[in-house]
Amino acid sequence: MTLMKRGEAYRMQRRYEEALRDANRALELDPNHAWALASRGSSYRMLGRYEEALRDLNRALELDPNNALALEQRELLPQQFGQ
């Protein structure tokens, strides 16, 4: 999916607002896209939007319990938000 590739590139460049836009677009097309949820959750975490991050990361893990990005990012949340 082109949106996710571009979104990942933005995320790696620390352009989190742009990464969020692409993840949101991907999720409009497929609300159950685990990687898009994990990517958006990661961007939310980097922006300090921890509750939104936890929601997306947990949903990604419901859909794909072995999603490495979601597992990694959830561990990096501040303790009061992590599980």
PDB file of N, CA and C in Angstrom:
ATOM      1  N   MET A   1       0.837  -1.169   0.000  1.00  0.00           N
ATOM      2  CA  MET A   1       0.000   0.000   0.000  1.00  0.00           C
ATOM      3  C   MET A   1       0.893   1.247   0.000  1.00  0.00           C
ATOM      4  N   THR A   2       0.732   2.081  -0.978  1.00  0.00           N
ATOM      5  CA  THR A   2       1.563   3.265  -1.147  1.00  0.00           C
ATOM      6  C   THR A   2       1.426   4.229   0.031  1.00  0.00           C
ATOM      7  N   LEU A   3       0.232   4.423   0.541  1.00  0.00           N
ATOM      8  CA  LEU A   3       0.044   5.317   1.684  1.00  0.00           C
ATOM      9  C   LEU A   3       0.878   4.883   2.877  1.00  0.00           C
ATOM     10  N   MET A   4       0.913   3.605   3.131  1.00  0.00           N
ATOM     11  CA  MET A   4       1.653   3.123   4.290  1.00  0.00           C
ATOM     12  C   MET A   4       3.155   3.262   4.081  1.00  0.00           C
ATOM     13  N   LYS A   5       3.628   3.031   2.882  1.00  0.00           N
ATOM     14  CA  LYS A   5       5.065   3.206   2.621  1.00  0.00           C
ATOM     15  C   LYS A   5       5.468   4.659   2.813  1.00  0.00           C
ATOM     16  N   ARG A   6       4.668   5.567   2.283  1.00  0.00           N
ATOM     17  CA  ARG A   6       4.980   6.979   2.432  1.00  0.00           C
ATOM     18  C   ARG A   6       4.846   7.387   3.903  1.00  0.00           C
ATOM     19  N   GLY A   7       3.807   6.909   4.561  1.00  0.00           N
ATOM     20  CA  GLY A   7       3.624   7.208   5.977  1.00  0.00           C
ATOM     21  C   GLY A   7       4.785   6.722   6.826  1.00  0.00           C
ATOM     22  N   GLU A   8       5.284   5.541   6.517  1.00  0.00           N
ATOM     23  CA  GLU A   8       6.438   5.015   7.238  1.00  0.00           C
ATOM     24  C   GLU A   8       7.670   5.882   6.987  1.00  0.00           C
ATOM     25  N   ALA A   9       7.833   6.329   5.753  1.00  0.00           N
ATOM     26  CA  ALA A   9       8.961   7.213   5.442  1.00  0.00           C
ATOM     27  C   ALA A   9       8.848   8.508   6.252  1.00  0.00           C
ATOM     28  N   TYR A  10       7.660   9.070   6.322  1.00  0.00           N
ATOM     29  CA  TYR A  10       7.455  10.272   7.128  1.00  0.00           C
ATOM     30  C   TYR A  10       7.777   9.996   8.598  1.00  0.00           C
ATOM     31  N   ARG A  11       7.307   8.864   9.097  1.00  0.00           N
ATOM     32  CA  ARG A  11       7.533   8.536  10.509  1.00  0.00           C
ATOM     33  C   ARG A  11       9.026   8.397  10.788  1.00  0.00           C
ATOM     34  N   MET A  12       9.747   7.766   9.894  1.00  0.00           N
ATOM     35  CA  MET A  12      11.185   7.587  10.073  1.00  0.00           C
ATOM     36  C   MET A  12      11.935   8.923   9.999  1.00  0.00           C
ATOM     37  N   GLN A  13      11.357   9.878   9.293  1.00  0.00           N
ATOM     38  CA  GLN A  13      11.948  11.217   9.186  1.00  0.00           C
ATOM     39  C   GLN A  13      11.467  12.134  10.315  1.00  0.00           C
ATOM     40  N   ARG A  14      10.700  11.579  11.236  1.00  0.00           N
ATOM     41  CA  ARG A  14      10.127  12.325  12.361  1.00  0.00           C
ATOM     42  C   ARG A  14       9.144  13.400  11.911  1.00  0.00           C
ATOM     43  N   ARG A  15       8.502  13.135  10.807  1.00  0.00           N
ATOM     44  CA  ARG A  15       7.456  14.032  10.298  1.00  0.00           C
ATOM     45  C   ARG A  15       6.116  13.398  10.686  1.00  0.00           C
ATOM     46  N   TYR A  16       5.824  13.456  11.987  1.00  0.00           N
ATOM     47  CA  TYR A  16       4.725  12.677  12.556  1.00  0.00           C
ATOM     48  C   TYR A  16       3.344  13.129  12.116  1.00  0.00           C
ATOM     49  N   GLU A  17       3.141  14.419  11.947  1.00  0.00           N
ATOM     50  CA  GLU A  17       1.816  14.887  11.503  1.00  0.00           C
ATOM     51  C   GLU A  17       1.517  14.362  10.097  1.00  0.00           C
ATOM     52  N   GLU A  18       2.514  14.354   9.233  1.00  0.00           N
ATOM     53  CA  GLU A  18       2.319  13.819   7.885  1.00  0.00           C
ATOM     54  C   GLU A  18       2.121  12.308   7.923  1.00  0.00           C
ATOM     55  N   ALA A  19       2.843  11.634   8.801  1.00  0.00           N
ATOM     56  CA  ALA A  19       2.665  10.189   8.965  1.00  0.00           C
ATOM     57  C   ALA A  19       1.247   9.879   9.439  1.00  0.00           C
ATOM     58  N   LEU A  20       0.736  10.714  10.358  1.00  0.00           N
ATOM     59  CA  LEU A  20      -0.634  10.529  10.841  1.00  0.00           C
ATOM     60  C   LEU A  20      -1.637  10.670   9.703  1.00  0.00           C
ATOM     61  N   ARG A  21      -1.446  11.654   8.857  1.00  0.00           N
ATOM     62  CA  ARG A  21      -2.385  11.848   7.738  1.00  0.00           C
ATOM     63  C   ARG A  21      -2.436  10.612   6.851  1.00  0.00           C
ATOM     64  N   ASP A  22      -1.275  10.044   6.526  1.00  0.00           N
ATOM     65  CA  ASP A  22      -1.283   8.862   5.662  1.00  0.00           C
ATOM     66  C   ASP A  22      -1.876   7.651   6.372  1.00  0.00           C
ATOM     67  N   ALA A  23      -1.581   7.482   7.654  1.00  0.00           N
ATOM     68  CA  ALA A  23      -2.172   6.361   8.402  1.00  0.00           C
ATOM     69  C   ALA A  23      -3.683   6.524   8.473  1.00  0.00           C
ATOM     70  N   ASN A  24      -4.157   7.742   8.705  1.00  0.00           N
ATOM     71  CA  ASN A  24      -5.603   7.980   8.745  1.00  0.00           C
ATOM     72  C   ASN A  24      -6.248   7.663   7.402  1.00  0.00           C
ATOM     73  N   ARG A  25      -5.608   8.048   6.328  1.00  0.00           N
ATOM     74  CA  ARG A  25      -6.155   7.737   4.991  1.00  0.00           C
ATOM     75  C   ARG A  25      -6.202   6.227   4.768  1.00  0.00           C
ATOM     76  N   ALA A  26      -5.136   5.537   5.160  1.00  0.00           N
ATOM     77  CA  ALA A  26      -5.109   4.079   5.003  1.00  0.00           C
ATOM     78  C   ALA A  26      -6.220   3.438   5.832  1.00  0.00           C
ATOM     79  N   LEU A  27      -6.461   3.963   7.022  1.00  0.00           N
ATOM     80  CA  LEU A  27      -7.499   3.406   7.883  1.00  0.00           C
ATOM     81  C   LEU A  27      -8.901   3.737   7.391  1.00  0.00           C
ATOM     82  N   GLU A  28      -9.049   4.797   6.628  1.00  0.00           N
ATOM     83  CA  GLU A  28     -10.343   5.061   5.987  1.00  0.00           C
ATOM     84  C   GLU A  28     -10.650   3.971   4.971  1.00  0.00           C
ATOM     85  N   LEU A  29      -9.625   3.494   4.286  1.00  0.00           N
ATOM     86  CA  LEU A  29      -9.795   2.435   3.287  1.00  0.00           C
ATOM     87  C   LEU A  29      -9.983   1.068   3.941  1.00  0.00           C
ATOM     88  N   ASP A  30      -9.294   0.851   5.050  1.00  0.00           N
ATOM     89  CA  ASP A  30      -9.368  -0.432   5.753  1.00  0.00           C
ATOM     90  C   ASP A  30      -9.210  -0.174   7.251  1.00  0.00           C
ATOM     91  N   PRO A  31     -10.317  -0.037   7.981  1.00  0.00           N
ATOM     92  CA  PRO A  31     -10.251   0.276   9.411  1.00  0.00           C
ATOM     93  C   PRO A  31      -9.574  -0.803  10.261  1.00  0.00           C
ATOM     94  N   ASN A  32      -9.391  -1.984   9.699  1.00  0.00           N
ATOM     95  CA  ASN A  32      -8.772  -3.090  10.429  1.00  0.00           C
ATOM     96  C   ASN A  32      -7.358  -3.390   9.951  1.00  0.00           C
ATOM     97  N   HIS A  33      -6.687  -2.408   9.419  1.00  0.00           N
ATOM     98  CA  HIS A  33      -5.313  -2.571   8.936  1.00  0.00           C
ATOM     99  C   HIS A  33      -4.374  -2.444  10.133  1.00  0.00           C
ATOM    100  N   ALA A  34      -3.892  -3.585  10.629  1.00  0.00           N
ATOM    101  CA  ALA A  34      -3.102  -3.603  11.862  1.00  0.00           C
ATOM    102  C   ALA A  34      -1.840  -2.757  11.752  1.00  0.00           C
ATOM    103  N   TRP A  35      -1.163  -2.814  10.614  1.00  0.00           N
ATOM    104  CA  TRP A  35       0.074  -2.042  10.488  1.00  0.00           C
ATOM    105  C   TRP A  35      -0.215  -0.542  10.494  1.00  0.00           C
ATOM    106  N   ALA A  36      -1.289  -0.111   9.864  1.00  0.00           N
ATOM    107  CA  ALA A  36      -1.651   1.310   9.875  1.00  0.00           C
ATOM    108  C   ALA A  36      -1.974   1.757  11.295  1.00  0.00           C
ATOM    109  N   LEU A  37      -2.661   0.921  12.054  1.00  0.00           N
ATOM    110  CA  LEU A  37      -2.961   1.249  13.456  1.00  0.00           C
ATOM    111  C   LEU A  37      -1.681   1.349  14.278  1.00  0.00           C
ATOM    112  N   ALA A  38      -0.761   0.409  14.060  1.00  0.00           N
ATOM    113  CA  ALA A  38       0.503   0.436  14.800  1.00  0.00           C
ATOM    114  C   ALA A  38       1.323   1.666  14.426  1.00  0.00           C
ATOM    115  N   SER A  39       1.346   1.986  13.158  1.00  0.00           N
ATOM    116  CA  SER A  39       2.095   3.152  12.702  1.00  0.00           C
ATOM    117  C   SER A  39       1.494   4.436  13.263  1.00  0.00           C
ATOM    118  N   ARG A  40       0.172   4.540  13.225  1.00  0.00           N
ATOM    119  CA  ARG A  40      -0.480   5.726  13.773  1.00  0.00           C
ATOM    120  C   ARG A  40      -0.241   5.803  15.277  1.00  0.00           C
ATOM    121  N   GLY A  41      -0.315   4.660  15.951  1.00  0.00           N
ATOM    122  CA  GLY A  41      -0.038   4.629  17.384  1.00  0.00           C
ATOM    123  C   GLY A  41       1.370   5.085  17.701  1.00  0.00           C
ATOM    124  N   SER A  42       2.316   4.678  16.884  1.00  0.00           N
ATOM    125  CA  SER A  42       3.703   5.111  17.059  1.00  0.00           C
ATOM    126  C   SER A  42       3.827   6.625  16.892  1.00  0.00           C
ATOM    127  N   SER A  43       3.175   7.161  15.883  1.00  0.00           N
ATOM    128  CA  SER A  43       3.223   8.615  15.665  1.00  0.00           C
ATOM    129  C   SER A  43       2.565   9.351  16.826  1.00  0.00           C
ATOM    130  N   TYR A  44       1.431   8.841  17.289  1.00  0.00           N
ATOM    131  CA  TYR A  44       0.786   9.454  18.445  1.00  0.00           C
ATOM    132  C   TYR A  44       1.730   9.440  19.653  1.00  0.00           C
ATOM    133  N   ARG A  45       2.424   8.325  19.865  1.00  0.00           N
ATOM    134  CA  ARG A  45       3.353   8.232  20.999  1.00  0.00           C
ATOM    135  C   ARG A  45       4.429   9.304  20.886  1.00  0.00           C
ATOM    136  N   MET A  46       4.980   9.461  19.716  1.00  0.00           N
ATOM    137  CA  MET A  46       6.052  10.435  19.531  1.00  0.00           C
ATOM    138  C   MET A  46       5.549  11.870  19.717  1.00  0.00           C
ATOM    139  N   LEU A  47       4.277  12.086  19.502  1.00  0.00           N
ATOM    140  CA  LEU A  47       3.691  13.409  19.693  1.00  0.00           C
ATOM    141  C   LEU A  47       3.182  13.631  21.121  1.00  0.00           C
ATOM    142  N   GLY A  48       3.354  12.616  21.979  1.00  0.00           N
ATOM    143  CA  GLY A  48       2.908  12.732  23.364  1.00  0.00           C
ATOM    144  C   GLY A  48       1.421  12.515  23.544  1.00  0.00           C
ATOM    145  N   ARG A  49       0.774  11.966  22.548  1.00  0.00           N
ATOM    146  CA  ARG A  49      -0.670  11.704  22.602  1.00  0.00           C
ATOM    147  C   ARG A  49      -0.858  10.243  23.022  1.00  0.00           C
ATOM    148  N   TYR A  50      -0.545   9.988  24.305  1.00  0.00           N
ATOM    149  CA  TYR A  50      -0.397   8.621  24.793  1.00  0.00           C
ATOM    150  C   TYR A  50      -1.691   7.825  24.840  1.00  0.00           C
ATOM    151  N   GLU A  51      -2.788   8.439  25.196  1.00  0.00           N
ATOM    152  CA  GLU A  51      -4.051   7.692  25.249  1.00  0.00           C
ATOM    153  C   GLU A  51      -4.445   7.212  23.855  1.00  0.00           C
ATOM    154  N   GLU A  52      -4.287   8.082  22.862  1.00  0.00           N
ATOM    155  CA  GLU A  52      -4.587   7.694  21.485  1.00  0.00           C
ATOM    156  C   GLU A  52      -3.619   6.614  21.007  1.00  0.00           C
ATOM    157  N   ALA A  53      -2.364   6.745  21.401  1.00  0.00           N
ATOM    158  CA  ALA A  53      -1.359   5.748  21.029  1.00  0.00           C
ATOM    159  C   ALA A  53      -1.732   4.388  21.588  1.00  0.00           C
ATOM    160  N   LEU A  54      -2.070   4.358  22.871  1.00  0.00           N
ATOM    161  CA  LEU A  54      -2.407   3.079  23.507  1.00  0.00           C
ATOM    162  C   LEU A  54      -3.625   2.454  22.850  1.00  0.00           C
ATOM    163  N   ARG A  55      -4.627   3.263  22.547  1.00  0.00           N
ATOM    164  CA  ARG A  55      -5.832   2.740  21.883  1.00  0.00           C
ATOM    165  C   ARG A  55      -5.473   2.070  20.564  1.00  0.00           C
ATOM    166  N   ASP A  56      -4.691   2.761  19.730  1.00  0.00           N
ATOM    167  CA  ASP A  56      -4.340   2.208  18.422  1.00  0.00           C
ATOM    168  C   ASP A  56      -3.435   0.994  18.540  1.00  0.00           C
ATOM    169  N   LEU A  57      -2.464   1.050  19.428  1.00  0.00           N
ATOM    170  CA  LEU A  57      -1.541  -0.082  19.579  1.00  0.00           C
ATOM    171  C   LEU A  57      -2.265  -1.310  20.097  1.00  0.00           C
ATOM    172  N   ASN A  58      -3.165  -1.124  21.039  1.00  0.00           N
ATOM    173  CA  ASN A  58      -3.941  -2.273  21.537  1.00  0.00           C
ATOM    174  C   ASN A  58      -4.835  -2.845  20.448  1.00  0.00           C
ATOM    175  N   ARG A  59      -5.458  -1.975  19.655  1.00  0.00           N
ATOM    176  CA  ARG A  59      -6.310  -2.468  18.560  1.00  0.00           C
ATOM    177  C   ARG A  59      -5.470  -3.220  17.527  1.00  0.00           C
ATOM    178  N   ALA A  60      -4.299  -2.703  17.211  1.00  0.00           N
ATOM    179  CA  ALA A  60      -3.410  -3.402  16.266  1.00  0.00           C
ATOM    180  C   ALA A  60      -3.076  -4.792  16.792  1.00  0.00           C
ATOM    181  N   LEU A  61      -2.843  -4.897  18.096  1.00  0.00           N
ATOM    182  CA  LEU A  61      -2.495  -6.200  18.683  1.00  0.00           C
ATOM    183  C   LEU A  61      -3.696  -7.131  18.775  1.00  0.00           C
ATOM    184  N   GLU A  62      -4.896  -6.581  18.873  1.00  0.00           N
ATOM    185  CA  GLU A  62      -6.091  -7.430  18.805  1.00  0.00           C
ATOM    186  C   GLU A  62      -6.176  -8.083  17.427  1.00  0.00           C
ATOM    187  N   LEU A  63      -5.869  -7.305  16.404  1.00  0.00           N
ATOM    188  CA  LEU A  63      -5.944  -7.799  15.026  1.00  0.00           C
ATOM    189  C   LEU A  63      -4.755  -8.694  14.669  1.00  0.00           C
ATOM    190  N   ASP A  64      -3.596  -8.368  15.221  1.00  0.00           N
ATOM    191  CA  ASP A  64      -2.365  -9.098  14.909  1.00  0.00           C
ATOM    192  C   ASP A  64      -1.513  -9.162  16.172  1.00  0.00           C
ATOM    193  N   PRO A  65      -1.703 -10.200  16.992  1.00  0.00           N
ATOM    194  CA  PRO A  65      -1.012 -10.285  18.285  1.00  0.00           C
ATOM    195  C   PRO A  65       0.515 -10.283  18.190  1.00  0.00           C
ATOM    196  N   ASN A  66       1.056 -10.563  17.029  1.00  0.00           N
ATOM    197  CA  ASN A  66       2.507 -10.608  16.850  1.00  0.00           C
ATOM    198  C   ASN A  66       3.053  -9.384  16.127  1.00  0.00           C
ATOM    199  N   ASN A  67       2.267  -8.336  16.030  1.00  0.00           N
ATOM    200  CA  ASN A  67       2.702  -7.131  15.327  1.00  0.00           C
ATOM    201  C   ASN A  67       3.876  -6.515  16.087  1.00  0.00           C
ATOM    202  N   ALA A  68       5.063  -6.632  15.508  1.00  0.00           N
ATOM    203  CA  ALA A  68       6.293  -6.207  16.185  1.00  0.00           C
ATOM    204  C   ALA A  68       6.301  -4.714  16.493  1.00  0.00           C
ATOM    205  N   LEU A  69       5.833  -3.898  15.558  1.00  0.00           N
ATOM    206  CA  LEU A  69       5.828  -2.453  15.785  1.00  0.00           C
ATOM    207  C   LEU A  69       4.920  -2.098  16.955  1.00  0.00           C
ATOM    208  N   ALA A  70       3.725  -2.673  16.993  1.00  0.00           N
ATOM    209  CA  ALA A  70       2.778  -2.377  18.075  1.00  0.00           C
ATOM    210  C   ALA A  70       3.334  -2.839  19.422  1.00  0.00           C
ATOM    211  N   LEU A  71       3.918  -4.016  19.459  1.00  0.00           N
ATOM    212  CA  LEU A  71       4.507  -4.519  20.709  1.00  0.00           C
ATOM    213  C   LEU A  71       5.626  -3.606  21.188  1.00  0.00           C
ATOM    214  N   GLU A  72       6.498  -3.230  20.285  1.00  0.00           N
ATOM    215  CA  GLU A  72       7.629  -2.367  20.634  1.00  0.00           C
ATOM    216  C   GLU A  72       7.158  -1.002  21.113  1.00  0.00           C
ATOM    217  N   GLN A  73       6.243  -0.406  20.384  1.00  0.00           N
ATOM    218  CA  GLN A  73       5.784   0.936  20.712  1.00  0.00           C
ATOM    219  C   GLN A  73       4.995   0.974  22.013  1.00  0.00           C
ATOM    220  N   ARG A  74       4.226  -0.073  22.270  1.00  0.00           N
ATOM    221  CA  ARG A  74       3.464  -0.109  23.525  1.00  0.00           C
ATOM    222  C   ARG A  74       4.406  -0.175  24.724  1.00  0.00           C
ATOM    223  N   GLU A  75       5.508  -0.895  24.580  1.00  0.00           N
ATOM    224  CA  GLU A  75       6.506  -0.986  25.661  1.00  0.00           C
ATOM    225  C   GLU A  75       7.166   0.366  25.914  1.00  0.00           C
ATOM    226  N   LEU A  76       7.212   1.234  24.915  1.00  0.00           N
ATOM    227  CA  LEU A  76       7.867   2.529  25.043  1.00  0.00           C
ATOM    228  C   LEU A  76       6.957   3.618  25.609  1.00  0.00           C
ATOM    229  N   LEU A  77       5.685   3.313  25.776  1.00  0.00           N
ATOM    230  CA  LEU A  77       4.764   4.291  26.368  1.00  0.00           C
ATOM    231  C   LEU A  77       5.150   4.517  27.838  1.00  0.00           C
ATOM    232  N   PRO A  78       4.905   5.720  28.345  1.00  0.00           N
ATOM    233  CA  PRO A  78       5.132   5.930  29.779  1.00  0.00           C
ATOM    234  C   PRO A  78       4.343   4.906  30.582  1.00  0.00           C
ATOM    235  N   GLN A  79       4.869   4.516  31.718  1.00  0.00           N
ATOM    236  CA  GLN A  79       4.305   3.409  32.486  1.00  0.00           C
ATOM    237  C   GLN A  79       2.825   3.560  32.776  1.00  0.00           C
ATOM    238  N   GLN A  80       2.351   4.756  33.057  1.00  0.00           N
ATOM    239  CA  GLN A  80       0.938   4.930  33.387  1.00  0.00           C
ATOM    240  C   GLN A  80       0.028   4.638  32.197  1.00  0.00           C
ATOM    241  N   PHE A  81       0.571   4.580  30.988  1.00  0.00           N
ATOM    242  CA  PHE A  81      -0.224   4.293  29.807  1.00  0.00           C
ATOM    243  C   PHE A  81       0.030   2.886  29.270  1.00  0.00           C
ATOM    244  N   GLY A  82       1.172   2.303  29.568  1.00  0.00           N
ATOM    245  CA  GLY A  82       1.493   0.976  29.057  1.00  0.00           C
ATOM    246  C   GLY A  82       0.705  -0.097  29.776  1.00  0.00           C
ATOM    247  N   GLN A  83       0.749  -1.294  29.222  1.00  0.00           N
ATOM    248  CA  GLN A  83       0.042  -2.418  29.847  1.00  0.00           C
ATOM    249  C   GLN A  83       0.973  -3.574  30.006  1.00  0.00           C
TER     250      GLN A  83
END
